[in-house]
Amino acid sequence: MAKLIRVFTHPACASCGPALRMVWEVVEKHPESFQLKTVKLENKEGLQEAYKESIKTIPTIILSDGDKELERFVGTPTREQLKVLTNYLNK
């Protein structure tokens, strides 16, 4: 089953776009392993999800498998930091 990568963003966040593009590149290369969800903090649902996950900084990227959080990146990660996601590829 694919693991979920959630990217918490807001339109006023200058670094959210680049972070989302980097994550999208990983998901495109490994669609069998990852599913991408963008959580937009400009709507009520996004704000509620951010509150539930204790999001204080955007962008924040959370990799989870079911209810279990596997990785969390706060701020814009480097491509090198995102390589850790390949540890979670479906075999």
PDB file of N, CA and C in Angstrom:
ATOM      1  N   MET A   1       0.839  -1.185   0.000  1.00  0.00           N
ATOM      2  CA  MET A   1       0.000   0.000   0.000  1.00  0.00           C
ATOM      3  C   MET A   1       0.884   1.249   0.000  1.00  0.00           C
ATOM      4  N   ALA A   2       0.475   2.253  -0.743  1.00  0.00           N
ATOM      5  CA  ALA A   2       1.253   3.488  -0.851  1.00  0.00           C
ATOM      6  C   ALA A   2       1.215   4.269   0.457  1.00  0.00           C
ATOM      7  N   LYS A   3       2.342   4.860   0.774  1.00  0.00           N
ATOM      8  CA  LYS A   3       2.425   5.731   1.946  1.00  0.00           C
ATOM      9  C   LYS A   3       1.996   7.134   1.539  1.00  0.00           C
ATOM     10  N   LEU A   4       1.446   7.874   2.470  1.00  0.00           N
ATOM     11  CA  LEU A   4       0.911   9.204   2.194  1.00  0.00           C
ATOM     12  C   LEU A   4       1.936  10.273   2.545  1.00  0.00           C
ATOM     13  N   ILE A   5       2.182  11.168   1.591  1.00  0.00           N
ATOM     14  CA  ILE A   5       3.019  12.342   1.839  1.00  0.00           C
ATOM     15  C   ILE A   5       2.093  13.547   1.802  1.00  0.00           C
ATOM     16  N   ARG A   6       1.995  14.238   2.937  1.00  0.00           N
ATOM     17  CA  ARG A   6       1.185  15.461   3.003  1.00  0.00           C
ATOM     18  C   ARG A   6       2.111  16.663   3.044  1.00  0.00           C
ATOM     19  N   VAL A   7       1.820  17.635   2.184  1.00  0.00           N
ATOM     20  CA  VAL A   7       2.585  18.878   2.157  1.00  0.00           C
ATOM     21  C   VAL A   7       1.642  19.985   2.601  1.00  0.00           C
ATOM     22  N   PHE A   8       1.947  20.605   3.728  1.00  0.00           N
ATOM     23  CA  PHE A   8       1.130  21.691   4.274  1.00  0.00           C
ATOM     24  C   PHE A   8       1.629  23.000   3.674  1.00  0.00           C
ATOM     25  N   THR A   9       0.717  23.728   2.994  1.00  0.00           N
ATOM     26  CA  THR A   9       1.095  24.924   2.247  1.00  0.00           C
ATOM     27  C   THR A   9       0.115  26.068   2.477  1.00  0.00           C
ATOM     28  N   HIS A  10       0.511  27.235   1.975  1.00  0.00           N
ATOM     29  CA  HIS A  10      -0.360  28.418   1.952  1.00  0.00           C
ATOM     30  C   HIS A  10       0.066  29.261   0.757  1.00  0.00           C
ATOM     31  N   PRO A  11      -0.884  29.909   0.059  1.00  0.00           N
ATOM     32  CA  PRO A  11      -0.526  30.709  -1.117  1.00  0.00           C
ATOM     33  C   PRO A  11       0.491  31.819  -0.829  1.00  0.00           C
ATOM     34  N   ALA A  12       0.512  32.350   0.375  1.00  0.00           N
ATOM     35  CA  ALA A  12       1.443  33.432   0.708  1.00  0.00           C
ATOM     36  C   ALA A  12       2.844  32.920   1.047  1.00  0.00           C
ATOM     37  N   CYS A  13       3.026  31.630   1.065  1.00  0.00           N
ATOM     38  CA  CYS A  13       4.309  31.017   1.421  1.00  0.00           C
ATOM     39  C   CYS A  13       5.185  30.898   0.176  1.00  0.00           C
ATOM     40  N   ALA A  14       6.264  31.671   0.131  1.00  0.00           N
ATOM     41  CA  ALA A  14       7.148  31.680  -1.038  1.00  0.00           C
ATOM     42  C   ALA A  14       7.903  30.364  -1.223  1.00  0.00           C
ATOM     43  N   SER A  15       8.225  29.673  -0.154  1.00  0.00           N
ATOM     44  CA  SER A  15       9.005  28.440  -0.274  1.00  0.00           C
ATOM     45  C   SER A  15       8.143  27.184  -0.398  1.00  0.00           C
ATOM     46  N   CYS A  16       6.833  27.331  -0.291  1.00  0.00           N
ATOM     47  CA  CYS A  16       5.950  26.161  -0.389  1.00  0.00           C
ATOM     48  C   CYS A  16       5.944  25.565  -1.797  1.00  0.00           C
ATOM     49  N   GLY A  17       5.931  26.416  -2.814  1.00  0.00           N
ATOM     50  CA  GLY A  17       5.925  25.928  -4.198  1.00  0.00           C
ATOM     51  C   GLY A  17       7.132  25.069  -4.516  1.00  0.00           C
ATOM     52  N   PRO A  18       8.356  25.548  -4.245  1.00  0.00           N
ATOM     53  CA  PRO A  18       9.531  24.718  -4.497  1.00  0.00           C
ATOM     54  C   PRO A  18       9.526  23.409  -3.701  1.00  0.00           C
ATOM     55  N   ALA A  19       9.083  23.452  -2.458  1.00  0.00           N
ATOM     56  CA  ALA A  19       9.020  22.231  -1.646  1.00  0.00           C
ATOM     57  C   ALA A  19       8.040  21.234  -2.255  1.00  0.00           C
ATOM     58  N   LEU A  20       6.886  21.720  -2.671  1.00  0.00           N
ATOM     59  CA  LEU A  20       5.877  20.854  -3.279  1.00  0.00           C
ATOM     60  C   LEU A  20       6.402  20.237  -4.576  1.00  0.00           C
ATOM     61  N   ARG A  21       7.103  21.017  -5.391  1.00  0.00           N
ATOM     62  CA  ARG A  21       7.657  20.487  -6.643  1.00  0.00           C
ATOM     63  C   ARG A  21       8.674  19.379  -6.375  1.00  0.00           C
ATOM     64  N   MET A  22       9.526  19.561  -5.361  1.00  0.00           N
ATOM     65  CA  MET A  22      10.520  18.526  -5.045  1.00  0.00           C
ATOM     66  C   MET A  22       9.848  17.232  -4.593  1.00  0.00           C
ATOM     67  N   VAL A  23       8.818  17.354  -3.777  1.00  0.00           N
ATOM     68  CA  VAL A  23       8.097  16.161  -3.317  1.00  0.00           C
ATOM     69  C   VAL A  23       7.383  15.507  -4.496  1.00  0.00           C
ATOM     70  N   TRP A  24       6.794  16.318  -5.367  1.00  0.00           N
ATOM     71  CA  TRP A  24       6.086  15.783  -6.533  1.00  0.00           C
ATOM     72  C   TRP A  24       7.040  14.968  -7.409  1.00  0.00           C
ATOM     73  N   GLU A  25       8.287  15.409  -7.553  1.00  0.00           N
ATOM     74  CA  GLU A  25       9.271  14.659  -8.342  1.00  0.00           C
ATOM     75  C   GLU A  25       9.487  13.266  -7.756  1.00  0.00           C
ATOM     76  N   VAL A  26       9.555  13.161  -6.447  1.00  0.00           N
ATOM     77  CA  VAL A  26       9.728  11.861  -5.787  1.00  0.00           C
ATOM     78  C   VAL A  26       8.502  10.983  -6.039  1.00  0.00           C
ATOM     79  N   VAL A  27       7.317  11.554  -5.893  1.00  0.00           N
ATOM     80  CA  VAL A  27       6.074  10.795  -6.089  1.00  0.00           C
ATOM     81  C   VAL A  27       5.960  10.329  -7.541  1.00  0.00           C
ATOM     82  N   GLU A  28       6.322  11.182  -8.493  1.00  0.00           N
ATOM     83  CA  GLU A  28       6.266  10.804  -9.912  1.00  0.00           C
ATOM     84  C   GLU A  28       7.185   9.627 -10.217  1.00  0.00           C
ATOM     85  N   LYS A  29       8.353   9.579  -9.583  1.00  0.00           N
ATOM     86  CA  LYS A  29       9.311   8.492  -9.813  1.00  0.00           C
ATOM     87  C   LYS A  29       8.872   7.187  -9.158  1.00  0.00           C
ATOM     88  N   HIS A  30       8.066   7.279  -8.094  1.00  0.00           N
ATOM     89  CA  HIS A  30       7.693   6.096  -7.315  1.00  0.00           C
ATOM     90  C   HIS A  30       6.194   6.092  -6.998  1.00  0.00           C
ATOM     91  N   PRO A  31       5.327   6.113  -8.030  1.00  0.00           N
ATOM     92  CA  PRO A  31       3.881   6.199  -7.766  1.00  0.00           C
ATOM     93  C   PRO A  31       3.313   4.978  -7.047  1.00  0.00           C
ATOM     94  N   GLU A  32       4.003   3.849  -7.120  1.00  0.00           N
ATOM     95  CA  GLU A  32       3.528   2.655  -6.428  1.00  0.00           C
ATOM     96  C   GLU A  32       3.799   2.733  -4.926  1.00  0.00           C
ATOM     97  N   SER A  33       4.697   3.629  -4.522  1.00  0.00           N
ATOM     98  CA  SER A  33       5.093   3.719  -3.120  1.00  0.00           C
ATOM     99  C   SER A  33       4.502   4.903  -2.375  1.00  0.00           C
ATOM    100  N   PHE A  34       4.181   5.987  -3.120  1.00  0.00           N
ATOM    101  CA  PHE A  34       3.756   7.216  -2.454  1.00  0.00           C
ATOM    102  C   PHE A  34       2.506   7.817  -3.082  1.00  0.00           C
ATOM    103  N   GLN A  35       1.701   8.423  -2.238  1.00  0.00           N
ATOM    104  CA  GLN A  35       0.532   9.199  -2.657  1.00  0.00           C
ATOM    105  C   GLN A  35       0.722  10.599  -2.082  1.00  0.00           C
ATOM    106  N   LEU A  36       0.452  11.627  -2.880  1.00  0.00           N
ATOM    107  CA  LEU A  36       0.661  13.009  -2.462  1.00  0.00           C
ATOM    108  C   LEU A  36      -0.662  13.685  -2.137  1.00  0.00           C
ATOM    109  N   LYS A  37      -0.678  14.406  -1.030  1.00  0.00           N
ATOM    110  CA  LYS A  37      -1.834  15.225  -0.662  1.00  0.00           C
ATOM    111  C   LYS A  37      -1.322  16.606  -0.279  1.00  0.00           C
ATOM    112  N   THR A  38      -1.865  17.634  -0.920  1.00  0.00           N
ATOM    113  CA  THR A  38      -1.536  19.006  -0.560  1.00  0.00           C
ATOM    114  C   THR A  38      -2.587  19.494   0.420  1.00  0.00           C
ATOM    115  N   VAL A  39      -2.149  19.944   1.582  1.00  0.00           N
ATOM    116  CA  VAL A  39      -3.056  20.462   2.607  1.00  0.00           C
ATOM    117  C   VAL A  39      -2.922  21.980   2.591  1.00  0.00           C
ATOM    118  N   LYS A  40      -3.970  22.641   2.128  1.00  0.00           N
ATOM    119  CA  LYS A  40      -3.945  24.095   1.963  1.00  0.00           C
ATOM    120  C   LYS A  40      -4.495  24.772   3.211  1.00  0.00           C
ATOM    121  N   LEU A  41      -3.671  25.616   3.811  1.00  0.00           N
ATOM    122  CA  LEU A  41      -4.051  26.242   5.069  1.00  0.00           C
ATOM    123  C   LEU A  41      -4.946  27.460   4.898  1.00  0.00           C
ATOM    124  N   GLU A  42      -5.403  27.742   3.675  1.00  0.00           N
ATOM    125  CA  GLU A  42      -6.316  28.867   3.498  1.00  0.00           C
ATOM    126  C   GLU A  42      -7.780  28.446   3.623  1.00  0.00           C
ATOM    127  N   ASN A  43      -8.030  27.170   3.897  1.00  0.00           N
ATOM    128  CA  ASN A  43      -9.418  26.749   4.106  1.00  0.00           C
ATOM    129  C   ASN A  43      -9.566  26.059   5.465  1.00  0.00           C
ATOM    130  N   LYS A  44     -10.807  25.945   5.904  1.00  0.00           N
ATOM    131  CA  LYS A  44     -11.109  25.423   7.244  1.00  0.00           C
ATOM    132  C   LYS A  44     -10.584  24.000   7.443  1.00  0.00           C
ATOM    133  N   GLU A  45     -10.775  23.150   6.434  1.00  0.00           N
ATOM    134  CA  GLU A  45     -10.339  21.763   6.556  1.00  0.00           C
ATOM    135  C   GLU A  45      -8.823  21.679   6.713  1.00  0.00           C
ATOM    136  N   GLY A  46      -8.110  22.482   5.918  1.00  0.00           N
ATOM    137  CA  GLY A  46      -6.656  22.491   6.002  1.00  0.00           C
ATOM    138  C   GLY A  46      -6.162  22.986   7.347  1.00  0.00           C
ATOM    139  N   LEU A  47      -6.796  24.033   7.851  1.00  0.00           N
ATOM    140  CA  LEU A  47      -6.418  24.565   9.165  1.00  0.00           C
ATOM    141  C   LEU A  47      -6.664  23.545  10.269  1.00  0.00           C
ATOM    142  N   GLN A  48      -7.777  22.819  10.171  1.00  0.00           N
ATOM    143  CA  GLN A  48      -8.079  21.799  11.181  1.00  0.00           C
ATOM    144  C   GLN A  48      -7.052  20.668  11.149  1.00  0.00           C
ATOM    145  N   GLU A  49      -6.684  20.249   9.937  1.00  0.00           N
ATOM    146  CA  GLU A  49      -5.690  19.179   9.819  1.00  0.00           C
ATOM    147  C   GLU A  49      -4.328  19.648  10.336  1.00  0.00           C
ATOM    148  N   ALA A  50      -3.968  20.899  10.040  1.00  0.00           N
ATOM    149  CA  ALA A  50      -2.699  21.455  10.529  1.00  0.00           C
ATOM    150  C   ALA A  50      -2.694  21.524  12.054  1.00  0.00           C
ATOM    151  N   TYR A  51      -3.807  21.920  12.639  1.00  0.00           N
ATOM    152  CA  TYR A  51      -3.915  21.986  14.099  1.00  0.00           C
ATOM    153  C   TYR A  51      -3.747  20.591  14.700  1.00  0.00           C
ATOM    154  N   LYS A  52      -4.415  19.616  14.103  1.00  0.00           N
ATOM    155  CA  LYS A  52      -4.347  18.231  14.580  1.00  0.00           C
ATOM    156  C   LYS A  52      -2.908  17.707  14.546  1.00  0.00           C
ATOM    157  N   GLU A  53      -2.152  18.124  13.535  1.00  0.00           N
ATOM    158  CA  GLU A  53      -0.773  17.655  13.375  1.00  0.00           C
ATOM    159  C   GLU A  53       0.261  18.587  14.015  1.00  0.00           C
ATOM    160  N   SER A  54      -0.198  19.607  14.734  1.00  0.00           N
ATOM    161  CA  SER A  54       0.689  20.569  15.418  1.00  0.00           C
ATOM    162  C   SER A  54       1.652  21.265  14.457  1.00  0.00           C
ATOM    163  N   ILE A  55       1.132  21.671  13.304  1.00  0.00           N
ATOM    164  CA  ILE A  55       1.942  22.377  12.309  1.00  0.00           C
ATOM    165  C   ILE A  55       2.138  23.815  12.771  1.00  0.00           C
ATOM    166  N   LYS A  56       3.394  24.228  12.896  1.00  0.00           N
ATOM    167  CA  LYS A  56       3.725  25.591  13.321  1.00  0.00           C
ATOM    168  C   LYS A  56       4.431  26.374  12.214  1.00  0.00           C
ATOM    169  N   THR A  57       5.033  25.664  11.265  1.00  0.00           N
ATOM    170  CA  THR A  57       5.814  26.269  10.194  1.00  0.00           C
ATOM    171  C   THR A  57       5.399  25.648   8.869  1.00  0.00           C
ATOM    172  N   ILE A  58       5.340  26.484   7.825  1.00  0.00           N
ATOM    173  CA  ILE A  58       5.087  25.954   6.491  1.00  0.00           C
ATOM    174  C   ILE A  58       6.237  26.352   5.577  1.00  0.00           C
ATOM    175  N   PRO A  59       6.584  25.499   4.638  1.00  0.00           N
ATOM    176  CA  PRO A  59       5.960  24.206   4.418  1.00  0.00           C
ATOM    177  C   PRO A  59       6.389  23.186   5.480  1.00  0.00           C
ATOM    178  N   THR A  60       5.496  22.263   5.750  1.00  0.00           N
ATOM    179  CA  THR A  60       5.814  21.077   6.538  1.00  0.00           C
ATOM    180  C   THR A  60       5.384  19.881   5.707  1.00  0.00           C
ATOM    181  N   ILE A  61       6.236  18.874   5.679  1.00  0.00           N
ATOM    182  CA  ILE A  61       5.984  17.666   4.899  1.00  0.00           C
ATOM    183  C   ILE A  61       5.958  16.498   5.874  1.00  0.00           C
ATOM    184  N   ILE A  62       4.886  15.714   5.816  1.00  0.00           N
ATOM    185  CA  ILE A  62       4.757  14.552   6.699  1.00  0.00           C
ATOM    186  C   ILE A  62       4.555  13.302   5.849  1.00  0.00           C
ATOM    187  N   LEU A  63       5.388  12.299   6.080  1.00  0.00           N
ATOM    188  CA  LEU A  63       5.236  10.987   5.460  1.00  0.00           C
ATOM    189  C   LEU A  63       4.613  10.074   6.497  1.00  0.00           C
ATOM    190  N   SER A  64       3.525   9.409   6.131  1.00  0.00           N
ATOM    191  CA  SER A  64       2.874   8.508   7.085  1.00  0.00           C
ATOM    192  C   SER A  64       2.442   7.219   6.403  1.00  0.00           C
ATOM    193  N   ASP A  65       2.312   6.205   7.222  1.00  0.00           N
ATOM    194  CA  ASP A  65       1.819   4.901   6.792  1.00  0.00           C
ATOM    195  C   ASP A  65       0.644   4.590   7.704  1.00  0.00           C
ATOM    196  N   GLY A  66      -0.556   4.777   7.184  1.00  0.00           N
ATOM    197  CA  GLY A  66      -1.739   4.678   8.031  1.00  0.00           C
ATOM    198  C   GLY A  66      -1.717   5.813   9.036  1.00  0.00           C
ATOM    199  N   ASP A  67      -1.866   5.492  10.303  1.00  0.00           N
ATOM    200  CA  ASP A  67      -1.840   6.509  11.356  1.00  0.00           C
ATOM    201  C   ASP A  67      -0.437   6.764  11.907  1.00  0.00           C
ATOM    202  N   LYS A  68       0.553   6.051  11.401  1.00  0.00           N
ATOM    203  CA  LYS A  68       1.915   6.159  11.935  1.00  0.00           C
ATOM    204  C   LYS A  68       2.740   7.166  11.126  1.00  0.00           C
ATOM    205  N   GLU A  69       3.223   8.211  11.803  1.00  0.00           N
ATOM    206  CA  GLU A  69       4.110   9.176  11.153  1.00  0.00           C
ATOM    207  C   GLU A  69       5.502   8.565  11.041  1.00  0.00           C
ATOM    208  N   LEU A  70       6.049   8.590   9.821  1.00  0.00           N
ATOM    209  CA  LEU A  70       7.371   8.018   9.575  1.00  0.00           C
ATOM    210  C   LEU A  70       8.467   9.077   9.511  1.00  0.00           C
ATOM    211  N   GLU A  71       8.174  10.200   8.876  1.00  0.00           N
ATOM    212  CA  GLU A  71       9.141  11.293   8.726  1.00  0.00           C
ATOM    213  C   GLU A  71       8.397  12.617   8.744  1.00  0.00           C
ATOM    214  N   ARG A  72       9.100  13.660   9.181  1.00  0.00           N
ATOM    215  CA  ARG A  72       8.549  15.019   9.154  1.00  0.00           C
ATOM    216  C   ARG A  72       9.676  15.976   8.776  1.00  0.00           C
ATOM    217  N   PHE A  73       9.400  16.822   7.795  1.00  0.00           N
ATOM    218  CA  PHE A  73      10.334  17.868   7.372  1.00  0.00           C
ATOM    219  C   PHE A  73       9.662  19.206   7.646  1.00  0.00           C
ATOM    220  N   VAL A  74      10.310  20.046   8.433  1.00  0.00           N
ATOM    221  CA  VAL A  74       9.774  21.367   8.751  1.00  0.00           C
ATOM    222  C   VAL A  74      10.604  22.389   7.984  1.00  0.00           C
ATOM    223  N   GLY A  75       9.935  23.234   7.205  1.00  0.00           N
ATOM    224  CA  GLY A  75      10.642  24.149   6.324  1.00  0.00           C
ATOM    225  C   GLY A  75      10.901  23.466   4.991  1.00  0.00           C
ATOM    226  N   THR A  76      11.630  24.134   4.129  1.00  0.00           N
ATOM    227  CA  THR A  76      11.915  23.577   2.805  1.00  0.00           C
ATOM    228  C   THR A  76      13.097  22.624   2.895  1.00  0.00           C
ATOM    229  N   PRO A  77      12.874  21.337   2.604  1.00  0.00           N
ATOM    230  CA  PRO A  77      13.982  20.388   2.659  1.00  0.00           C
ATOM    231  C   PRO A  77      14.857  20.523   1.413  1.00  0.00           C
ATOM    232  N   THR A  78      16.072  20.050   1.520  1.00  0.00           N
ATOM    233  CA  THR A  78      16.934  19.966   0.345  1.00  0.00           C
ATOM    234  C   THR A  78      16.616  18.658  -0.382  1.00  0.00           C
ATOM    235  N   ARG A  79      17.052  18.569  -1.620  1.00  0.00           N
ATOM    236  CA  ARG A  79      16.872  17.307  -2.357  1.00  0.00           C
ATOM    237  C   ARG A  79      17.586  16.166  -1.620  1.00  0.00           C
ATOM    238  N   GLU A  80      18.724  16.488  -1.042  1.00  0.00           N
ATOM    239  CA  GLU A  80      19.482  15.483  -0.292  1.00  0.00           C
ATOM    240  C   GLU A  80      18.667  14.967   0.900  1.00  0.00           C
ATOM    241  N   GLN A  81      18.012  15.867   1.616  1.00  0.00           N
ATOM    242  CA  GLN A  81      17.187  15.456   2.758  1.00  0.00           C
ATOM    243  C   GLN A  81      16.017  14.590   2.305  1.00  0.00           C
ATOM    244  N   LEU A  82      15.438  14.905   1.154  1.00  0.00           N
ATOM    245  CA  LEU A  82      14.291  14.127   0.671  1.00  0.00           C
ATOM    246  C   LEU A  82      14.677  12.718   0.234  1.00  0.00           C
ATOM    247  N   LYS A  83      15.964  12.475   0.031  1.00  0.00           N
ATOM    248  CA  LYS A  83      16.391  11.126  -0.361  1.00  0.00           C
ATOM    249  C   LYS A  83      16.031  10.086   0.693  1.00  0.00           C
ATOM    250  N   VAL A  84      15.823  10.528   1.938  1.00  0.00           N
ATOM    251  CA  VAL A  84      15.428   9.598   2.999  1.00  0.00           C
ATOM    252  C   VAL A  84      14.099   8.915   2.650  1.00  0.00           C
ATOM    253  N   LEU A  85      13.281   9.550   1.816  1.00  0.00           N
ATOM    254  CA  LEU A  85      11.999   8.949   1.434  1.00  0.00           C
ATOM    255  C   LEU A  85      12.197   7.623   0.708  1.00  0.00           C
ATOM    256  N   THR A  86      13.318   7.463   0.006  1.00  0.00           N
ATOM    257  CA  THR A  86      13.545   6.210  -0.717  1.00  0.00           C
ATOM    258  C   THR A  86      13.731   5.031   0.233  1.00  0.00           C
ATOM    259  N   ASN A  87      13.971   5.290   1.511  1.00  0.00           N
ATOM    260  CA  ASN A  87      14.030   4.204   2.498  1.00  0.00           C
ATOM    261  C   ASN A  87      12.669   3.547   2.683  1.00  0.00           C
ATOM    262  N   TYR A  88      11.616   4.213   2.225  1.00  0.00           N
ATOM    263  CA  TYR A  88      10.248   3.731   2.437  1.00  0.00           C
ATOM    264  C   TYR A  88       9.591   3.230   1.156  1.00  0.00           C
ATOM    265  N   LEU A  89      10.388   2.954   0.126  1.00  0.00           N
ATOM    266  CA  LEU A  89       9.815   2.444  -1.119  1.00  0.00           C
ATOM    267  C   LEU A  89       9.197   1.077  -0.878  1.00  0.00           C
ATOM    268  N   ASN A  90       8.064   0.815  -1.536  1.00  0.00           N
ATOM    269  CA  ASN A  90       7.451  -0.513  -1.463  1.00  0.00           C
ATOM    270  C   ASN A  90       8.357  -1.497  -2.178  1.00  0.00           C
ATOM    271  N   LYS A  91       8.595  -2.598  -1.554  1.00  0.00           N
ATOM    272  CA  LYS A  91       9.472  -3.624  -2.155  1.00  0.00           C
ATOM    273  C   LYS A  91       8.634  -4.674  -2.833  1.00  0.00           C
TER     274      LYS A  91
END
